[in-house]
């Protein structure tokens, strides 16, 4: 009987410690996750990278010889 109570007490103590550590980790990770989310919202205008020169452009074409 004493051994089962000791096992219960040890398990509950371990569980409480694990929960406290998770709360601490959550407090550390929250600002990092918010920073990561704010950086992920930036999307460059990738369509401009592939846009062809318009027909009315003043730039000259290179002629292959």
PDB file of N, CA and C in Angstrom:
ATOM      1  N   UNK A   1       0.828  -1.194   0.000  1.00  0.00           N
ATOM      2  CA  UNK A   1       0.000   0.000   0.000  1.00  0.00           C
ATOM      3  C   UNK A   1       0.874   1.261   0.000  1.00  0.00           C
ATOM      4  N   UNK A   2       1.927   1.235   0.789  1.00  0.00           N
ATOM      5  CA  UNK A   2       2.812   2.393   0.872  1.00  0.00           C
ATOM      6  C   UNK A   2       3.510   2.621  -0.461  1.00  0.00           C
ATOM      7  N   UNK A   3       3.893   1.531  -1.121  1.00  0.00           N
ATOM      8  CA  UNK A   3       4.592   1.662  -2.404  1.00  0.00           C
ATOM      9  C   UNK A   3       3.684   2.251  -3.484  1.00  0.00           C
ATOM     10  N   UNK A   4       2.421   1.854  -3.495  1.00  0.00           N
ATOM     11  CA  UNK A   4       1.505   2.401  -4.495  1.00  0.00           C
ATOM     12  C   UNK A   4       1.252   3.885  -4.233  1.00  0.00           C
ATOM     13  N   UNK A   5       1.144   4.273  -2.955  1.00  0.00           N
ATOM     14  CA  UNK A   5       0.969   5.695  -2.641  1.00  0.00           C
ATOM     15  C   UNK A   5       2.212   6.494  -3.030  1.00  0.00           C
ATOM     16  N   UNK A   6       3.381   5.918  -2.776  1.00  0.00           N
ATOM     17  CA  UNK A   6       4.621   6.587  -3.148  1.00  0.00           C
ATOM     18  C   UNK A   6       4.709   6.747  -4.665  1.00  0.00           C
ATOM     19  N   UNK A   7       4.301   5.717  -5.391  1.00  0.00           N
ATOM     20  CA  UNK A   7       4.313   5.797  -6.856  1.00  0.00           C
ATOM     21  C   UNK A   7       3.342   6.874  -7.339  1.00  0.00           C
ATOM     22  N   UNK A   8       2.158   6.961  -6.723  1.00  0.00           N
ATOM     23  CA  UNK A   8       1.186   7.995  -7.088  1.00  0.00           C
ATOM     24  C   UNK A   8       1.738   9.390  -6.815  1.00  0.00           C
ATOM     25  N   UNK A   9       2.376   9.556  -5.664  1.00  0.00           N
ATOM     26  CA  UNK A   9       2.940  10.861  -5.308  1.00  0.00           C
ATOM     27  C   UNK A   9       4.061  11.232  -6.272  1.00  0.00           C
ATOM     28  N   UNK A  10       4.903  10.280  -6.599  1.00  0.00           N
ATOM     29  CA  UNK A  10       6.001  10.550  -7.531  1.00  0.00           C
ATOM     30  C   UNK A  10       5.472  10.908  -8.923  1.00  0.00           C
ATOM     31  N   UNK A  11       4.450  10.179  -9.375  1.00  0.00           N
ATOM     32  CA  UNK A  11       3.877  10.462 -10.688  1.00  0.00           C
ATOM     33  C   UNK A  11       3.235  11.843 -10.710  1.00  0.00           C
ATOM     34  N   UNK A  12       2.476  12.176  -9.668  1.00  0.00           N
ATOM     35  CA  UNK A  12       1.820  13.488  -9.616  1.00  0.00           C
ATOM     36  C   UNK A  12       2.854  14.612  -9.547  1.00  0.00           C
ATOM     37  N   UNK A  13       3.925  14.405  -8.805  1.00  0.00           N
ATOM     38  CA  UNK A  13       4.987  15.411  -8.726  1.00  0.00           C
ATOM     39  C   UNK A  13       5.643  15.603 -10.088  1.00  0.00           C
ATOM     40  N   UNK A  14       5.889  14.496 -10.771  1.00  0.00           N
ATOM     41  CA  UNK A  14       6.482  14.580 -12.101  1.00  0.00           C
ATOM     42  C   UNK A  14       5.542  15.289 -13.071  1.00  0.00           C
ATOM     43  N   UNK A  15       4.246  14.983 -12.971  1.00  0.00           N
ATOM     44  CA  UNK A  15       3.262  15.596 -13.854  1.00  0.00           C
ATOM     45  C   UNK A  15       3.176  17.101 -13.620  1.00  0.00           C
ATOM     46  N   UNK A  16       3.192  17.516 -12.364  1.00  0.00           N
ATOM     47  CA  UNK A  16       3.166  18.949 -12.061  1.00  0.00           C
ATOM     48  C   UNK A  16       4.420  19.648 -12.586  1.00  0.00           C
ATOM     49  N   UNK A  17       5.565  19.027 -12.407  1.00  0.00           N
ATOM     50  CA  UNK A  17       6.807  19.603 -12.910  1.00  0.00           C
ATOM     51  C   UNK A  17       6.765  19.732 -14.433  1.00  0.00           C
ATOM     52  N   UNK A  18       6.260  18.704 -15.104  1.00  0.00           N
ATOM     53  CA  UNK A  18       6.170  18.742 -16.568  1.00  0.00           C
ATOM     54  C   UNK A  18       5.232  19.859 -17.025  1.00  0.00           C
ATOM     55  N   UNK A  19       4.116  20.042 -16.331  1.00  0.00           N
ATOM     56  CA  UNK A  19       3.178  21.113 -16.693  1.00  0.00           C
ATOM     57  C   UNK A  19       3.803  22.492 -16.486  1.00  0.00           C
ATOM     58  N   UNK A  20       4.549  22.655 -15.389  1.00  0.00           N
ATOM     59  CA  UNK A  20       5.231  23.926 -15.144  1.00  0.00           C
ATOM     60  C   UNK A  20       6.264  24.211 -16.228  1.00  0.00           C
ATOM     61  N   UNK A  21       6.971  23.187 -16.644  1.00  0.00           N
ATOM     62  CA  UNK A  21       7.971  23.368 -17.691  1.00  0.00           C
ATOM     63  C   UNK A  21       7.309  23.718 -19.023  1.00  0.00           C
ATOM     64  N   UNK A  22       6.157  23.111 -19.300  1.00  0.00           N
ATOM     65  CA  UNK A  22       5.442  23.434 -20.536  1.00  0.00           C
ATOM     66  C   UNK A  22       4.941  24.875 -20.521  1.00  0.00           C
ATOM     67  N   UNK A  23       4.468  25.341 -19.374  1.00  0.00           N
ATOM     68  CA  UNK A  23       4.027  26.733 -19.262  1.00  0.00           C
ATOM     69  C   UNK A  23       5.206  27.682 -19.495  1.00  0.00           C
ATOM     70  N   UNK A  24       6.345  27.348 -18.940  1.00  0.00           N
ATOM     71  CA  UNK A  24       7.545  28.163 -19.121  1.00  0.00           C
ATOM     72  C   UNK A  24       7.958  28.184 -20.594  1.00  0.00           C
ATOM     73  N   UNK A  25       7.936  27.029 -21.226  1.00  0.00           N
ATOM     74  CA  UNK A  25       8.288  26.932 -22.640  1.00  0.00           C
ATOM     75  C   UNK A  25       7.297  27.708 -23.506  1.00  0.00           C
ATOM     76  N   UNK A  26       6.025  27.646 -23.146  1.00  0.00           N
ATOM     77  CA  UNK A  26       4.997  28.376 -23.884  1.00  0.00           C
ATOM     78  C   UNK A  26       5.254  29.879 -23.801  1.00  0.00           C
ATOM     79  N   UNK A  27       5.663  30.352 -22.618  1.00  0.00           N
ATOM     80  CA  UNK A  27       5.976  31.765 -22.454  1.00  0.00           C
ATOM     81  C   UNK A  27       7.161  32.204 -23.299  1.00  0.00           C
ATOM     82  N   UNK A  28       8.124  31.317 -23.477  1.00  0.00           N
ATOM     83  CA  UNK A  28       9.293  31.634 -24.298  1.00  0.00           C
ATOM     84  C   UNK A  28       8.938  31.587 -25.783  1.00  0.00           C
ATOM     85  N   UNK A  29       8.146  30.606 -26.175  1.00  0.00           N
ATOM     86  CA  UNK A  29       7.861  30.395 -27.592  1.00  0.00           C
ATOM     87  C   UNK A  29       6.848  31.379 -28.168  1.00  0.00           C
ATOM     88  N   UNK A  30       5.962  31.924 -27.354  1.00  0.00           N
ATOM     89  CA  UNK A  30       4.909  32.812 -27.869  1.00  0.00           C
ATOM     90  C   UNK A  30       5.488  34.005 -28.637  1.00  0.00           C
ATOM     91  N   UNK A  31       6.447  34.780 -28.075  1.00  0.00           N
ATOM     92  CA  UNK A  31       6.986  35.902 -28.860  1.00  0.00           C
ATOM     93  C   UNK A  31       7.698  35.448 -30.132  1.00  0.00           C
ATOM     94  N   UNK A  32       8.349  34.297 -30.074  1.00  0.00           N
ATOM     95  CA  UNK A  32       9.034  33.802 -31.266  1.00  0.00           C
ATOM     96  C   UNK A  32       8.041  33.410 -32.354  1.00  0.00           C
ATOM     97  N   UNK A  33       6.926  32.808 -31.967  1.00  0.00           N
ATOM     98  CA  UNK A  33       5.910  32.425 -32.950  1.00  0.00           C
ATOM     99  C   UNK A  33       5.246  33.667 -33.540  1.00  0.00           C
ATOM    100  N   UNK A  34       5.017  34.704 -32.714  1.00  0.00           N
ATOM    101  CA  UNK A  34       4.429  35.940 -33.230  1.00  0.00           C
ATOM    102  C   UNK A  34       5.381  36.625 -34.202  1.00  0.00           C
ATOM    103  N   UNK A  35       6.668  36.617 -33.890  1.00  0.00           N
ATOM    104  CA  UNK A  35       7.656  37.199 -34.797  1.00  0.00           C
ATOM    105  C   UNK A  35       7.696  36.430 -36.113  1.00  0.00           C
ATOM    106  N   UNK A  36       7.676  35.122 -36.031  1.00  0.00           N
ATOM    107  CA  UNK A  36       7.693  34.297 -37.233  1.00  0.00           C
ATOM    108  C   UNK A  36       6.451  34.548 -38.081  1.00  0.00           C
ATOM    109  N   UNK A  37       5.294  34.675 -37.439  1.00  0.00           N
ATOM    110  CA  UNK A  37       4.053  34.922 -38.178  1.00  0.00           C
ATOM    111  C   UNK A  37       4.090  36.289 -38.854  1.00  0.00           C
ATOM    112  N   UNK A  38       4.677  37.283 -38.197  1.00  0.00           N
ATOM    113  CA  UNK A  38       4.740  38.612 -38.813  1.00  0.00           C
ATOM    114  C   UNK A  38       5.693  38.614 -40.005  1.00  0.00           C
ATOM    115  N   UNK A  39       6.738  37.814 -39.964  1.00  0.00           N
ATOM    116  CA  UNK A  39       7.665  37.756 -41.096  1.00  0.00           C
ATOM    117  C   UNK A  39       7.085  36.965 -42.256  1.00  0.00           C
ATOM    118  N   UNK A  40       6.218  36.001 -41.977  1.00  0.00           N
ATOM    119  CA  UNK A  40       5.626  35.179 -43.034  1.00  0.00           C
ATOM    120  C   UNK A  40       4.591  35.936 -43.849  1.00  0.00           C
ATOM    121  N   UNK A  41       4.077  37.061 -43.341  1.00  0.00           N
ATOM    122  CA  UNK A  41       3.039  37.786 -44.070  1.00  0.00           C
ATOM    123  C   UNK A  41       3.619  38.609 -45.211  1.00  0.00           C
ATOM    124  N   UNK A  42       4.934  38.840 -45.240  1.00  0.00           N
ATOM    125  CA  UNK A  42       5.553  39.610 -46.321  1.00  0.00           C
ATOM    126  C   UNK A  42       5.652  38.751 -47.570  1.00  0.00           C
ATOM    127  N   UNK A  43       5.031  39.220 -48.637  1.00  0.00           N
ATOM    128  CA  UNK A  43       5.093  38.502 -49.900  1.00  0.00           C
ATOM    129  C   UNK A  43       5.526  39.504 -50.982  1.00  0.00           C
ATOM    130  N   UNK A  44       6.705  39.332 -51.543  1.00  0.00           N
ATOM    131  CA  UNK A  44       7.141  40.266 -52.587  1.00  0.00           C
ATOM    132  C   UNK A  44       6.290  40.101 -53.842  1.00  0.00           C
ATOM    133  N   UNK A  45       6.301  41.113 -54.671  1.00  0.00           N
ATOM    134  CA  UNK A  45       5.540  41.063 -55.920  1.00  0.00           C
ATOM    135  C   UNK A  45       6.311  40.201 -56.914  1.00  0.00           C
ATOM    136  N   UNK A  46       6.113  38.910 -56.840  1.00  0.00           N
ATOM    137  CA  UNK A  46       6.877  37.988 -57.685  1.00  0.00           C
ATOM    138  C   UNK A  46       6.451  38.061 -59.146  1.00  0.00           C
ATOM    139  N   UNK A  47       5.252  38.557 -59.422  1.00  0.00           N
ATOM    140  CA  UNK A  47       4.811  38.669 -60.813  1.00  0.00           C
ATOM    141  C   UNK A  47       5.679  39.667 -61.573  1.00  0.00           C
ATOM    142  N   UNK A  48       6.206  40.681 -60.894  1.00  0.00           N
ATOM    143  CA  UNK A  48       7.042  41.680 -61.558  1.00  0.00           C
ATOM    144  C   UNK A  48       8.354  41.077 -62.038  1.00  0.00           C
ATOM    145  N   UNK A  49       8.790  40.011 -61.424  1.00  0.00           N
ATOM    146  CA  UNK A  49      10.035  39.382 -61.845  1.00  0.00           C
ATOM    147  C   UNK A  49       9.919  38.742 -63.223  1.00  0.00           C
ATOM    148  N   UNK A  50       8.714  38.315 -63.577  1.00  0.00           N
ATOM    149  CA  UNK A  50       8.516  37.591 -64.827  1.00  0.00           C
ATOM    150  C   UNK A  50       7.792  38.422 -65.884  1.00  0.00           C
ATOM    151  N   UNK A  51       7.570  39.687 -65.622  1.00  0.00           N
ATOM    152  CA  UNK A  51       6.839  40.534 -66.558  1.00  0.00           C
ATOM    153  C   UNK A  51       7.741  40.868 -67.750  1.00  0.00           C
ATOM    154  N   UNK A  52       7.205  40.742 -68.937  1.00  0.00           N
ATOM    155  CA  UNK A  52       7.969  41.037 -70.154  1.00  0.00           C
ATOM    156  C   UNK A  52       8.000  42.544 -70.384  1.00  0.00           C
ATOM    157  N   UNK A  53       8.983  42.992 -71.142  1.00  0.00           N
ATOM    158  CA  UNK A  53       9.069  44.406 -71.497  1.00  0.00           C
ATOM    159  C   UNK A  53       7.912  44.725 -72.428  1.00  0.00           C
ATOM    160  N   UNK A  54       7.262  45.852 -72.198  1.00  0.00           N
ATOM    161  CA  UNK A  54       6.094  46.206 -73.006  1.00  0.00           C
ATOM    162  C   UNK A  54       6.525  46.622 -74.415  1.00  0.00           C
ATOM    163  N   UNK A  55       5.591  46.608 -75.331  1.00  0.00           N
ATOM    164  CA  UNK A  55       5.882  46.934 -76.731  1.00  0.00           C
ATOM    165  C   UNK A  55       6.262  48.398 -76.887  1.00  0.00           C
ATOM    166  N   UNK A  56       5.768  49.261 -76.017  1.00  0.00           N
ATOM    167  CA  UNK A  56       6.068  50.687 -76.122  1.00  0.00           C
ATOM    168  C   UNK A  56       7.336  51.080 -75.390  1.00  0.00           C
ATOM    169  N   UNK A  57       8.146  50.122 -75.027  1.00  0.00           N
ATOM    170  CA  UNK A  57       9.360  50.408 -74.269  1.00  0.00           C
ATOM    171  C   UNK A  57      10.397  51.094 -75.145  1.00  0.00           C
ATOM    172  N   UNK A  58      11.189  51.964 -74.553  1.00  0.00           N
ATOM    173  CA  UNK A  58      12.232  52.689 -75.271  1.00  0.00           C
ATOM    174  C   UNK A  58      13.536  51.896 -75.364  1.00  0.00           C
ATOM    175  N   UNK A  59      13.623  50.779 -74.660  1.00  0.00           N
ATOM    176  CA  UNK A  59      14.871  50.012 -74.704  1.00  0.00           C
ATOM    177  C   UNK A  59      15.010  49.303 -76.051  1.00  0.00           C
ATOM    178  N   UNK A  60      16.243  49.253 -76.534  1.00  0.00           N
ATOM    179  CA  UNK A  60      16.500  48.651 -77.838  1.00  0.00           C
ATOM    180  C   UNK A  60      16.679  47.146 -77.707  1.00  0.00           C
ATOM    181  N   UNK A  61      16.287  46.440 -78.745  1.00  0.00           N
ATOM    182  CA  UNK A  61      16.459  44.999 -78.775  1.00  0.00           C
ATOM    183  C   UNK A  61      17.872  44.659 -79.222  1.00  0.00           C
ATOM    184  N   UNK A  62      18.391  43.576 -78.745  1.00  0.00           N
ATOM    185  CA  UNK A  62      19.709  43.107 -79.160  1.00  0.00           C
ATOM    186  C   UNK A  62      19.519  42.213 -80.379  1.00  0.00           C
ATOM    187  N   UNK A  63      20.232  42.541 -81.436  1.00  0.00           N
ATOM    188  CA  UNK A  63      20.097  41.773 -82.678  1.00  0.00           C
ATOM    189  C   UNK A  63      21.171  40.697 -82.696  1.00  0.00           C
ATOM    190  N   UNK A  64      20.751  39.459 -82.916  1.00  0.00           N
ATOM    191  CA  UNK A  64      21.712  38.355 -83.034  1.00  0.00           C
ATOM    192  C   UNK A  64      22.359  38.393 -84.406  1.00  0.00           C
ATOM    193  N   UNK A  65      23.657  38.217 -84.456  1.00  0.00           N
ATOM    194  CA  UNK A  65      24.350  38.236 -85.753  1.00  0.00           C
ATOM    195  C   UNK A  65      24.662  36.850 -86.236  1.00  0.00           C
TER     196      UNK A  65
END
